[in-house]
Amino acid sequence: MHEKEIEKLEKRNKMLTIALIISVTIIFAIVIQPAVYKWNNPEVDTVLFSGISQEEAIEIFEELRKMGITPSAYVGGNIMIPAKYAQKAREQFEVREEQ
């Protein structure tokens, strides 16, 4: 092979390596980073109840406040609370439904 052809191949290999590194970085940012953020940030909101009326939401908000949990939102029939309280709230509502 000629020297120019070898240089072209080396340049092509460098470009492919750079493209691969950029691709892996983008995939990491899109897929891995949100999971790491949620793991490290317990204040991320989660849906406690979905598909409920505004009247039901008012009752649930009152019950949550009695438990010491501040609901963060009622959007489109969904009650959102900080994820770190979700398990406790679900358990409390299950106990109340059984009674």
Protein backbone atom coordinates (compact mmCIF):
# COMPACT_ATOMS: atom_id res chain seq x y z
CA MET A 1 0.00 0.00 0.00
CA HIS A 2 1.02 3.51 -0.57
CA GLU A 3 1.76 5.91 2.19
CA LYS A 4 -1.27 8.09 1.31
CA GLU A 5 -3.64 5.14 1.51
CA ILE A 6 -2.27 4.19 4.92
CA GLU A 7 -2.75 7.77 6.14
CA LYS A 8 -6.35 7.72 4.88
CA LEU A 9 -7.02 4.48 6.75
CA GLU A 10 -5.46 5.81 9.94
CA LYS A 11 -7.52 8.99 9.66
CA ARG A 12 -10.67 6.92 9.07
CA ASN A 13 -9.91 4.75 12.11
CA LYS A 14 -9.43 7.84 14.28
CA MET A 15 -12.77 9.25 13.08
CA LEU A 16 -14.55 5.96 13.81
CA THR A 17 -13.01 5.82 17.29
CA ILE A 18 -14.14 9.37 18.03
CA ALA A 19 -17.65 8.60 16.71
CA LEU A 20 -17.81 5.51 18.92
CA ILE A 21 -16.76 7.45 22.02
CA ILE A 22 -19.35 10.14 21.31
CA SER A 23 -22.07 7.50 20.74
CA VAL A 24 -21.30 5.73 24.01
CA THR A 25 -21.34 9.05 25.87
CA ILE A 26 -24.75 9.96 24.42
CA ILE A 27 -26.18 6.54 25.27
CA PHE A 28 -24.89 6.90 28.82
CA ALA A 29 -26.45 10.35 29.14
CA ILE A 30 -29.82 9.20 27.83
CA VAL A 31 -30.15 5.80 29.48
CA ILE A 32 -27.98 5.59 32.58
CA GLN A 33 -27.95 9.14 33.94
CA PRO A 34 -31.71 9.43 34.68
CA ALA A 35 -31.61 6.18 36.65
CA VAL A 36 -28.62 7.37 38.65
CA TYR A 37 -30.34 10.70 39.31
CA LYS A 38 -33.49 9.02 40.60
CA TRP A 39 -31.43 6.69 42.80
CA ASN A 40 -29.53 9.61 44.34
CA ASN A 41 -32.51 11.96 44.61
CA PRO A 42 -35.23 10.57 46.88
CA GLU A 43 -37.33 13.70 46.37
CA VAL A 44 -38.29 12.63 42.86
CA ASP A 45 -42.06 12.48 42.62
CA THR A 46 -44.03 9.33 41.96
CA VAL A 47 -47.69 8.67 41.27
CA LEU A 48 -49.55 7.49 44.35
CA PHE A 49 -53.04 7.31 42.81
CA SER A 50 -54.18 7.76 39.24
CA GLY A 51 -57.53 8.32 37.57
CA ILE A 52 -59.23 9.89 40.59
CA SER A 53 -61.70 12.76 40.78
CA GLN A 54 -60.97 16.12 42.32
CA GLU A 55 -63.25 15.30 45.28
CA GLU A 56 -61.33 12.08 45.95
CA ALA A 57 -58.07 13.99 45.61
CA ILE A 58 -59.14 16.45 48.32
CA GLU A 59 -59.88 13.58 50.73
CA ILE A 60 -56.59 11.85 49.93
CA PHE A 61 -54.64 15.12 50.35
CA GLU A 62 -56.15 15.50 53.83
CA GLU A 63 -55.22 11.93 54.76
CA LEU A 64 -51.68 12.39 53.45
CA ARG A 65 -51.22 15.55 55.49
CA LYS A 66 -52.38 13.68 58.61
CA MET A 67 -49.60 11.16 57.87
CA GLY A 68 -47.08 13.99 57.61
CA ILE A 69 -46.72 13.67 53.85
CA THR A 70 -47.05 16.75 51.67
CA PRO A 71 -48.49 15.89 48.26
CA SER A 72 -46.60 17.64 45.49
CA ALA A 73 -49.27 17.75 42.78
CA TYR A 74 -52.65 16.70 41.46
CA VAL A 75 -52.34 16.55 37.69
CA GLY A 76 -54.76 14.91 35.28
CA GLY A 77 -56.29 12.68 37.94
CA ASN A 78 -52.90 11.69 39.40
CA ILE A 79 -51.71 12.45 42.92
CA MET A 80 -47.95 12.88 43.06
CA ILE A 81 -45.88 12.54 46.23
CA PRO A 82 -42.14 12.33 46.96
CA ALA A 83 -41.00 8.81 46.07
CA LYS A 84 -39.44 8.22 49.48
CA TYR A 85 -42.93 8.31 51.06
CA ALA A 86 -44.72 6.17 48.47
CA GLN A 87 -44.39 2.82 50.24
CA LYS A 88 -45.50 4.22 53.60
CA ALA A 89 -48.52 5.94 52.03
CA ARG A 90 -49.59 2.87 50.07
CA GLU A 91 -49.38 0.72 53.19
CA GLN A 92 -51.43 3.21 55.22
CA PHE A 93 -54.17 3.42 52.58
CA GLU A 94 -54.31 -0.40 52.31
CA VAL A 95 -54.82 -0.66 56.09
CA ARG A 96 -57.62 1.92 55.98
CA GLU A 97 -59.38 0.16 53.10
CA GLU A 98 -59.35 -3.15 55.01
CA GLN A 99 -61.01 -1.59 58.07
